[in-house]
Amino acid sequence: MTVLIYTAITIGAVAGMEFAAWAAHKYLMHGWLWGWHKDHHKPHHEEDGFFEKNDLFFLVFAIPSATCYIVGLNVSGWFWLTFVGIGISIYGLIYFLIHDVYIHRRFKWFKHLDSKYSRAILRAHGHHHVVTQKEGCESFGLLAVDDKYYGKRSEWDKKVNDRVKA
């Protein structure tokens, strides 16, 4: 029973991180921390170097995870918090693999994902990056993708208009 509870906590933390990442992206990265994030919305050139200020957000999300590990492993009665930290770490790994490796190709590890879902993730993220300014972006999440991105670009406006009329 304990294994099931810890598994549920871990899965819940992974799922919760998608919403935490969405909110952080929309309200912090495109808000008062835009100074760190704006270089991520600009075209990259090899001479600019490998890292961007946006990579500092790795630390922002690592701090709660590390805190969960430290408290969970060292404070009596708080062991369950270790699994929240594990969930945050798993989401961080997923985010790294999808965002940095698959979408932005910062590492050439895998290129040939081809499913409706992987294409929708690429479309949604690409649509987010069309806007290079702080305001006017949409699609702030990574794993939860709006239905409109599963179709062709020409169908996006039609789906949005159909939803508004309904």
Protein backbone atom coordinates (compact mmCIF):
# COMPACT_ATOMS: atom_id res chain seq x y z
CA MET A 1 0.00 0.00 0.00
CA THR A 2 2.84 2.38 0.85
CA VAL A 3 4.40 1.86 -2.59
CA LEU A 4 1.09 2.82 -4.22
CA ILE A 5 0.84 5.98 -2.15
CA TYR A 6 4.40 7.05 -2.97
CA THR A 7 3.83 6.23 -6.65
CA ALA A 8 0.64 8.32 -6.64
CA ILE A 9 2.48 11.22 -4.96
CA THR A 10 5.24 11.04 -7.57
CA ILE A 11 2.80 10.89 -10.51
CA GLY A 12 0.75 13.70 -8.97
CA ALA A 13 3.86 15.84 -8.62
CA VAL A 14 4.82 15.22 -12.25
CA ALA A 15 1.31 16.18 -13.40
CA GLY A 16 1.21 19.16 -11.06
CA MET A 17 4.49 20.42 -12.45
CA GLU A 18 2.94 20.87 -15.90
CA PHE A 19 0.53 23.38 -14.36
CA ALA A 20 3.24 24.97 -12.19
CA ALA A 21 5.49 25.30 -15.26
CA TRP A 22 2.60 26.78 -17.28
CA ALA A 23 1.90 29.39 -14.58
CA ALA A 24 5.60 30.18 -14.11
CA HIS A 25 6.04 30.55 -17.87
CA LYS A 26 3.00 32.77 -18.31
CA TYR A 27 3.24 34.95 -15.21
CA LEU A 28 6.94 34.95 -14.27
CA MET A 29 8.88 34.33 -17.47
CA HIS A 30 6.57 36.59 -19.47
CA GLY A 31 6.21 38.87 -16.46
CA TRP A 32 8.79 40.30 -14.08
CA LEU A 33 11.44 37.70 -15.04
CA TRP A 34 11.25 38.50 -18.76
CA GLY A 35 14.86 39.70 -18.59
CA TRP A 36 15.95 36.10 -18.11
CA HIS A 37 13.53 34.65 -20.65
CA LYS A 38 13.64 37.09 -23.59
CA ASP A 39 16.83 35.68 -25.12
CA HIS A 40 14.96 32.37 -25.52
CA HIS A 41 12.53 34.12 -27.90
CA LYS A 42 15.26 35.46 -30.15
CA PRO A 43 16.86 33.58 -33.05
CA HIS A 44 20.04 31.88 -31.93
CA HIS A 45 23.38 32.12 -33.58
CA GLU A 46 26.34 29.83 -32.94
CA GLU A 47 28.59 32.74 -31.95
CA ASP A 48 26.23 33.67 -29.10
CA GLY A 49 27.29 30.56 -27.19
CA PHE A 50 25.48 27.49 -25.96
CA PHE A 51 23.81 28.91 -22.84
CA GLU A 52 21.10 31.54 -22.54
CA LYS A 53 19.90 33.50 -19.52
CA ASN A 54 16.71 31.45 -19.79
CA ASP A 55 18.72 28.43 -18.60
CA LEU A 56 18.71 30.01 -15.13
CA PHE A 57 15.16 28.70 -14.75
CA PHE A 58 16.70 25.26 -14.33
CA LEU A 59 17.89 26.51 -10.93
CA VAL A 60 14.51 28.05 -10.13
CA PHE A 61 12.84 24.65 -10.51
CA ALA A 62 15.72 22.70 -8.97
CA ILE A 63 15.45 24.57 -5.65
CA PRO A 64 11.97 23.25 -4.72
CA SER A 65 12.97 19.76 -5.81
CA ALA A 66 16.16 19.82 -3.75
CA THR A 67 14.24 21.25 -0.79
CA CYS A 68 11.75 18.38 -1.00
CA TYR A 69 14.59 15.85 -0.99
CA ILE A 70 16.35 17.51 1.95
CA VAL A 71 13.24 17.91 4.10
CA GLY A 72 11.75 14.55 3.10
CA LEU A 73 14.89 12.63 3.94
CA ASN A 74 15.78 14.50 7.13
CA VAL A 75 12.57 15.52 8.91
CA SER A 76 10.58 12.87 10.72
CA GLY A 77 7.09 12.41 9.28
CA TRP A 78 7.91 14.19 6.03
CA PHE A 79 9.32 11.26 4.04
CA TRP A 80 6.45 11.56 1.52
CA LEU A 81 7.92 14.91 0.46
CA THR A 82 10.87 13.02 -1.02
CA PHE A 83 8.48 11.67 -3.66
CA VAL A 84 7.28 15.17 -4.49
CA GLY A 85 10.96 15.98 -5.13
CA ILE A 86 11.27 12.87 -7.29
CA GLY A 87 8.19 13.95 -9.27
CA ILE A 88 9.63 17.42 -9.82
CA SER A 89 12.91 15.84 -10.95
CA ILE A 90 11.11 13.52 -13.36
CA TYR A 91 9.21 16.46 -14.84
CA GLY A 92 12.50 18.33 -15.18
CA LEU A 93 13.96 15.41 -17.11
CA ILE A 94 10.89 15.21 -19.35
CA TYR A 95 11.02 18.97 -19.90
CA PHE A 96 14.72 18.83 -20.78
CA LEU A 97 14.24 15.94 -23.22
CA ILE A 98 11.22 17.44 -24.96
CA HIS A 99 12.04 21.16 -24.82
CA ASP A 100 15.81 21.33 -25.13
CA VAL A 101 16.53 18.11 -27.01
CA TYR A 102 13.47 17.52 -29.21
CA ILE A 103 12.02 20.99 -29.83
CA HIS A 104 15.08 23.24 -29.81
CA ARG A 105 17.60 20.59 -30.88
CA ARG A 106 20.23 21.79 -28.43
CA PHE A 107 21.41 18.20 -28.34
CA LYS A 108 21.17 15.91 -31.35
CA TRP A 109 19.98 12.84 -29.46
CA PHE A 110 16.66 12.11 -31.14
CA LYS A 111 15.00 13.75 -34.08
CA HIS A 112 12.54 11.31 -35.47
CA LEU A 113 9.56 11.46 -33.16
CA ASP A 114 6.55 11.34 -35.41
CA SER A 115 3.16 11.08 -33.83
CA LYS A 116 0.15 13.37 -33.72
CA TYR A 117 1.12 14.32 -30.17
CA SER A 118 4.79 15.08 -30.91
CA ARG A 119 3.78 17.19 -33.93
CA ALA A 120 1.21 19.04 -31.80
CA ILE A 121 3.88 19.82 -29.19
CA LEU A 122 6.15 21.21 -31.93
CA ARG A 123 3.33 23.30 -33.42
CA ALA A 124 2.25 24.71 -30.07
CA HIS A 125 5.78 25.61 -29.04
CA GLY A 126 6.54 27.04 -32.46
CA HIS A 127 3.39 29.14 -32.27
CA HIS A 128 4.52 30.41 -28.86
CA HIS A 129 7.89 31.43 -30.30
CA VAL A 130 6.40 33.31 -33.27
CA VAL A 131 5.97 36.21 -30.85
CA THR A 132 9.35 37.59 -29.78
CA GLN A 133 7.97 40.06 -27.25
CA LYS A 134 6.84 39.73 -23.65
CA GLU A 135 3.14 40.14 -24.49
CA GLY A 136 0.95 38.45 -27.06
CA CYS A 137 2.11 34.84 -26.68
CA GLU A 138 -0.10 31.84 -26.16
CA SER A 139 0.54 28.16 -25.46
CA PHE A 140 2.63 28.41 -22.30
CA GLY A 141 2.57 24.74 -21.35
CA LEU A 142 4.71 21.92 -22.66
CA LEU A 143 2.86 18.61 -22.33
CA ALA A 144 -0.76 19.80 -22.25
CA VAL A 145 -1.42 20.90 -25.82
CA ASP A 146 -4.54 22.70 -27.07
CA ASP A 147 -6.61 20.63 -29.51
CA LYS A 148 -6.09 23.15 -32.31
CA TYR A 149 -2.41 22.18 -32.63
CA TYR A 150 -3.34 18.64 -33.67
CA GLY A 151 -4.62 19.94 -37.00
CA LYS A 152 -3.03 21.88 -39.80
CA ARG A 153 -2.22 25.55 -39.26
CA SER A 154 -4.98 26.50 -41.71
CA GLU A 155 -7.50 24.78 -39.42
CA TRP A 156 -6.46 26.61 -36.22
CA ASP A 157 -8.58 29.72 -36.75
CA LYS A 158 -11.57 27.61 -37.78
CA LYS A 159 -11.37 25.52 -34.58
CA VAL A 160 -11.01 28.63 -32.41
CA ASN A 161 -13.96 30.32 -34.16
CA ASP A 162 -16.10 27.16 -33.83
CA ARG A 163 -15.34 27.04 -30.08
CA VAL A 164 -16.27 30.71 -29.62
CA LYS A 165 -19.60 30.19 -31.42
CA ALA A 166 -20.48 27.13 -29.31
